[in-house]
């Protein structure tokens, strides 16, 4: 992997250098830390959607069941994602688990 300087030219090409493993780790850790707020927002929106949809979807028609399943499954998966994120953040779990 290389860092590209813009605009490209002979001078820019001479300044290109490989990105170090430390720089990659720093970028990854910043990206990981920046996920927390976004994950929390998604969790809360799915919980709100679940609360709103639960009272409005009635009946046993297939489309109602699918809609309820989709919202419930989204809320469940996002809650698990947040729990996994927190576990990794506090060193209770590895990213590859």
N, C-alpha and C. Protein backbone atom coordinates (compact mmCIF):
# COMPACT_ATOMS: atom_id res chain seq x y z
N UNK A 1 0.85 -1.16 0.00
CA UNK A 1 0.00 0.00 0.00
C UNK A 1 0.90 1.23 0.00
N UNK A 2 0.50 2.26 -0.75
CA UNK A 2 1.28 3.48 -0.81
C UNK A 2 0.39 4.68 -0.56
N UNK A 3 1.01 5.76 -0.12
CA UNK A 3 0.31 7.04 0.04
C UNK A 3 0.53 7.82 -1.24
N UNK A 4 -0.54 8.27 -1.85
CA UNK A 4 -0.43 9.04 -3.09
C UNK A 4 -0.60 10.51 -2.78
N UNK A 5 0.32 11.31 -3.26
CA UNK A 5 0.25 12.75 -3.14
C UNK A 5 -0.46 13.30 -4.38
N UNK A 6 -1.33 14.28 -4.22
CA UNK A 6 -2.02 14.89 -5.35
C UNK A 6 -1.57 16.33 -5.47
N UNK A 7 -1.43 16.91 -6.62
CA UNK A 7 -1.64 16.27 -7.91
C UNK A 7 -0.46 15.36 -8.26
N UNK A 8 -0.75 14.35 -9.09
CA UNK A 8 0.30 13.43 -9.49
C UNK A 8 1.27 14.13 -10.43
N UNK A 9 2.47 13.80 -10.29
CA UNK A 9 3.53 14.33 -11.13
C UNK A 9 4.84 13.71 -10.70
N UNK A 10 5.91 14.14 -11.28
CA UNK A 10 7.21 13.58 -10.92
C UNK A 10 7.55 13.84 -9.47
N UNK A 11 7.24 15.04 -8.99
CA UNK A 11 7.52 15.38 -7.59
C UNK A 11 6.68 14.52 -6.65
N UNK A 12 5.41 14.33 -6.99
CA UNK A 12 4.54 13.51 -6.16
C UNK A 12 5.01 12.06 -6.14
N UNK A 13 5.42 11.54 -7.28
CA UNK A 13 5.88 10.15 -7.36
C UNK A 13 7.12 9.95 -6.50
N UNK A 14 7.96 10.95 -6.41
CA UNK A 14 9.17 10.83 -5.61
C UNK A 14 8.86 10.80 -4.11
N UNK A 15 7.70 11.35 -3.71
CA UNK A 15 7.32 11.41 -2.30
C UNK A 15 6.53 10.19 -1.82
N UNK A 16 6.14 9.31 -2.74
CA UNK A 16 5.36 8.13 -2.35
C UNK A 16 6.20 7.22 -1.48
N UNK A 17 5.56 6.66 -0.44
CA UNK A 17 6.25 5.73 0.45
C UNK A 17 5.24 4.72 0.94
N UNK A 18 5.69 3.55 1.34
CA UNK A 18 4.76 2.55 1.85
C UNK A 18 4.16 3.00 3.18
N UNK A 19 2.92 2.63 3.41
CA UNK A 19 2.28 2.90 4.69
C UNK A 19 2.77 1.85 5.68
N UNK A 20 3.16 2.29 6.85
CA UNK A 20 3.67 1.35 7.85
C UNK A 20 2.52 0.61 8.52
N UNK A 21 2.85 -0.51 9.14
CA UNK A 21 1.84 -1.28 9.87
C UNK A 21 1.24 -0.45 11.00
N UNK A 22 2.06 0.37 11.65
CA UNK A 22 1.58 1.24 12.72
C UNK A 22 0.55 2.25 12.22
N UNK A 23 0.80 2.79 11.01
CA UNK A 23 -0.15 3.74 10.43
C UNK A 23 -1.47 3.05 10.09
N UNK A 24 -1.37 1.84 9.57
CA UNK A 24 -2.59 1.07 9.26
C UNK A 24 -3.35 0.77 10.54
N UNK A 25 -2.64 0.34 11.59
CA UNK A 25 -3.29 0.06 12.87
C UNK A 25 -3.97 1.30 13.42
N UNK A 26 -3.32 2.46 13.28
CA UNK A 26 -3.92 3.71 13.77
C UNK A 26 -5.20 4.03 13.01
N UNK A 27 -5.16 3.87 11.69
CA UNK A 27 -6.36 4.12 10.88
C UNK A 27 -7.49 3.17 11.26
N UNK A 28 -7.16 1.90 11.45
CA UNK A 28 -8.18 0.91 11.82
C UNK A 28 -8.75 1.22 13.19
N UNK A 29 -7.90 1.58 14.14
CA UNK A 29 -8.40 1.85 15.49
C UNK A 29 -9.28 3.09 15.50
N UNK A 30 -8.93 4.12 14.73
CA UNK A 30 -9.78 5.30 14.65
C UNK A 30 -11.13 4.95 14.03
N UNK A 31 -11.11 4.15 12.98
CA UNK A 31 -12.36 3.74 12.34
C UNK A 31 -13.22 2.92 13.31
N UNK A 32 -12.58 2.04 14.05
CA UNK A 32 -13.31 1.21 15.03
C UNK A 32 -13.95 2.09 16.10
N UNK A 33 -13.19 3.03 16.64
CA UNK A 33 -13.74 3.92 17.68
C UNK A 33 -14.88 4.76 17.14
N UNK A 34 -14.80 5.17 15.89
CA UNK A 34 -15.85 6.01 15.30
C UNK A 34 -17.14 5.26 15.04
N UNK A 35 -17.14 3.96 15.14
CA UNK A 35 -18.36 3.17 14.92
C UNK A 35 -19.34 3.24 16.08
N UNK A 36 -18.87 3.49 17.28
CA UNK A 36 -19.73 3.38 18.46
C UNK A 36 -21.00 4.21 18.37
N UNK A 37 -20.89 5.47 18.04
CA UNK A 37 -22.07 6.33 17.94
C UNK A 37 -23.02 5.88 16.86
N UNK A 38 -22.48 5.46 15.73
CA UNK A 38 -23.32 5.00 14.62
C UNK A 38 -24.04 3.71 14.97
N UNK A 39 -23.34 2.82 15.63
CA UNK A 39 -23.97 1.56 16.05
C UNK A 39 -25.10 1.86 17.03
N UNK A 40 -24.84 2.72 18.00
CA UNK A 40 -25.87 3.07 18.99
C UNK A 40 -27.08 3.72 18.31
N UNK A 41 -26.84 4.60 17.36
CA UNK A 41 -27.95 5.23 16.63
C UNK A 41 -28.80 4.18 15.93
N UNK A 42 -28.15 3.22 15.28
CA UNK A 42 -28.89 2.15 14.58
C UNK A 42 -29.69 1.30 15.56
N UNK A 43 -29.10 0.99 16.69
CA UNK A 43 -29.80 0.19 17.70
C UNK A 43 -31.05 0.92 18.15
N UNK A 44 -30.92 2.20 18.49
CA UNK A 44 -32.08 2.94 18.98
C UNK A 44 -33.14 3.11 17.91
N UNK A 45 -32.76 3.34 16.68
CA UNK A 45 -33.75 3.46 15.61
C UNK A 45 -34.48 2.14 15.39
N UNK A 46 -33.77 1.03 15.49
CA UNK A 46 -34.44 -0.26 15.32
C UNK A 46 -35.39 -0.55 16.47
N UNK A 47 -35.02 -0.14 17.69
CA UNK A 47 -35.90 -0.32 18.84
C UNK A 47 -37.16 0.53 18.68
N UNK A 48 -36.99 1.77 18.25
CA UNK A 48 -38.14 2.65 18.01
C UNK A 48 -39.04 2.06 16.93
N UNK A 49 -38.43 1.60 15.84
CA UNK A 49 -39.21 0.99 14.76
C UNK A 49 -39.98 -0.23 15.26
N UNK A 50 -39.33 -1.05 16.07
CA UNK A 50 -39.98 -2.23 16.62
C UNK A 50 -41.17 -1.84 17.49
N UNK A 51 -40.99 -0.83 18.33
CA UNK A 51 -42.10 -0.38 19.19
C UNK A 51 -43.25 0.17 18.37
N UNK A 52 -42.94 0.92 17.32
CA UNK A 52 -43.99 1.50 16.48
C UNK A 52 -44.71 0.46 15.64
N UNK A 53 -43.96 -0.45 15.09
CA UNK A 53 -44.54 -1.42 14.17
C UNK A 53 -45.33 -2.51 14.89
N UNK A 54 -44.92 -2.84 16.11
CA UNK A 54 -45.58 -3.91 16.84
C UNK A 54 -47.07 -3.63 17.04
N UNK A 55 -47.42 -2.39 17.29
CA UNK A 55 -48.82 -2.05 17.51
C UNK A 55 -49.62 -1.87 16.25
N UNK A 56 -48.94 -1.66 15.13
CA UNK A 56 -49.67 -1.39 13.89
C UNK A 56 -49.80 -2.60 12.97
N UNK A 57 -48.92 -3.57 13.10
CA UNK A 57 -49.00 -4.76 12.26
C UNK A 57 -49.78 -5.82 13.01
N UNK A 58 -50.94 -6.07 12.52
CA UNK A 58 -51.79 -7.10 13.12
C UNK A 58 -52.20 -8.07 12.03
N UNK A 59 -52.62 -9.19 12.45
CA UNK A 59 -53.06 -10.18 11.49
C UNK A 59 -51.99 -11.22 11.25
N UNK A 60 -52.37 -12.20 10.50
CA UNK A 60 -51.44 -13.30 10.24
C UNK A 60 -51.08 -13.40 8.77
N UNK A 61 -51.38 -12.36 8.03
CA UNK A 61 -51.01 -12.39 6.62
C UNK A 61 -49.50 -12.49 6.49
N UNK A 62 -49.08 -13.15 5.44
CA UNK A 62 -47.64 -13.39 5.24
C UNK A 62 -46.84 -12.09 5.21
N UNK A 63 -47.35 -11.05 4.57
CA UNK A 63 -46.60 -9.79 4.49
C UNK A 63 -46.45 -9.15 5.87
N UNK A 64 -47.44 -9.28 6.73
CA UNK A 64 -47.34 -8.75 8.09
C UNK A 64 -46.30 -9.52 8.89
N UNK A 65 -46.35 -10.83 8.76
CA UNK A 65 -45.37 -11.66 9.47
C UNK A 65 -43.95 -11.36 9.01
N UNK A 66 -43.76 -11.18 7.71
CA UNK A 66 -42.43 -10.87 7.18
C UNK A 66 -41.95 -9.51 7.66
N UNK A 67 -42.84 -8.53 7.67
CA UNK A 67 -42.46 -7.20 8.13
C UNK A 67 -42.07 -7.23 9.60
N UNK A 68 -42.85 -7.90 10.41
CA UNK A 68 -42.55 -7.99 11.84
C UNK A 68 -41.25 -8.75 12.06
N UNK A 69 -41.06 -9.83 11.31
CA UNK A 69 -39.82 -10.60 11.42
C UNK A 69 -38.61 -9.74 11.07
N UNK A 70 -38.72 -8.99 9.97
CA UNK A 70 -37.59 -8.17 9.51
C UNK A 70 -37.21 -7.12 10.55
N UNK A 71 -38.19 -6.46 11.12
CA UNK A 71 -37.91 -5.42 12.11
C UNK A 71 -37.34 -6.05 13.38
N UNK A 72 -37.94 -7.14 13.83
CA UNK A 72 -37.44 -7.82 15.04
C UNK A 72 -36.01 -8.33 14.84
N UNK A 73 -35.77 -8.92 13.70
CA UNK A 73 -34.44 -9.47 13.41
C UNK A 73 -33.40 -8.36 13.32
N UNK A 74 -33.77 -7.24 12.71
CA UNK A 74 -32.85 -6.10 12.63
C UNK A 74 -32.51 -5.60 14.02
N UNK A 75 -33.51 -5.44 14.86
CA UNK A 75 -33.27 -4.97 16.23
C UNK A 75 -32.37 -5.95 16.98
N UNK A 76 -32.63 -7.23 16.85
CA UNK A 76 -31.83 -8.25 17.53
C UNK A 76 -30.38 -8.22 17.06
N UNK A 77 -30.19 -8.18 15.75
CA UNK A 77 -28.83 -8.19 15.21
C UNK A 77 -28.06 -6.93 15.58
N UNK A 78 -28.72 -5.79 15.57
CA UNK A 78 -28.03 -4.55 15.94
C UNK A 78 -27.69 -4.53 17.43
N UNK A 79 -28.55 -5.06 18.26
CA UNK A 79 -28.24 -5.15 19.69
C UNK A 79 -27.04 -6.06 19.90
N UNK A 80 -26.98 -7.17 19.16
CA UNK A 80 -25.84 -8.09 19.28
C UNK A 80 -24.56 -7.43 18.77
N UNK A 81 -24.67 -6.68 17.68
CA UNK A 81 -23.50 -5.96 17.14
C UNK A 81 -22.97 -4.99 18.18
N UNK A 82 -23.86 -4.25 18.84
CA UNK A 82 -23.42 -3.31 19.87
C UNK A 82 -22.76 -4.05 21.02
N UNK A 83 -23.34 -5.17 21.45
CA UNK A 83 -22.76 -5.96 22.55
C UNK A 83 -21.38 -6.48 22.15
N UNK A 84 -21.24 -6.96 20.92
CA UNK A 84 -19.95 -7.45 20.43
C UNK A 84 -18.93 -6.31 20.37
N UNK A 85 -19.36 -5.16 19.89
CA UNK A 85 -18.47 -4.00 19.82
C UNK A 85 -17.96 -3.65 21.22
N UNK A 86 -18.88 -3.58 22.17
CA UNK A 86 -18.50 -3.24 23.54
C UNK A 86 -17.55 -4.29 24.12
N UNK A 87 -17.82 -5.56 23.84
CA UNK A 87 -16.96 -6.63 24.35
C UNK A 87 -15.54 -6.51 23.80
N UNK A 88 -15.43 -6.19 22.51
CA UNK A 88 -14.11 -6.00 21.91
C UNK A 88 -13.44 -4.77 22.51
N UNK A 89 -14.20 -3.70 22.66
CA UNK A 89 -13.65 -2.46 23.20
C UNK A 89 -13.06 -2.67 24.59
N UNK A 90 -13.74 -3.45 25.42
CA UNK A 90 -13.27 -3.68 26.79
C UNK A 90 -12.39 -4.92 26.92
N UNK A 91 -12.00 -5.52 25.80
CA UNK A 91 -11.07 -6.63 25.81
C UNK A 91 -11.66 -7.94 26.25
N UNK A 92 -12.98 -8.06 26.23
CA UNK A 92 -13.64 -9.29 26.65
C UNK A 92 -13.79 -10.27 25.49
N UNK A 93 -13.54 -9.81 24.28
CA UNK A 93 -13.73 -10.62 23.09
C UNK A 93 -12.79 -10.10 22.01
N UNK A 94 -12.37 -10.98 21.13
CA UNK A 94 -11.52 -10.59 20.01
C UNK A 94 -12.40 -10.31 18.80
N UNK A 95 -11.91 -9.47 17.90
CA UNK A 95 -12.67 -9.14 16.69
C UNK A 95 -13.02 -10.36 15.86
N UNK A 96 -12.19 -11.35 15.85
CA UNK A 96 -12.42 -12.51 14.99
C UNK A 96 -13.44 -13.48 15.56
N UNK A 97 -13.93 -13.27 16.79
CA UNK A 97 -14.91 -14.18 17.39
C UNK A 97 -16.24 -14.06 16.71
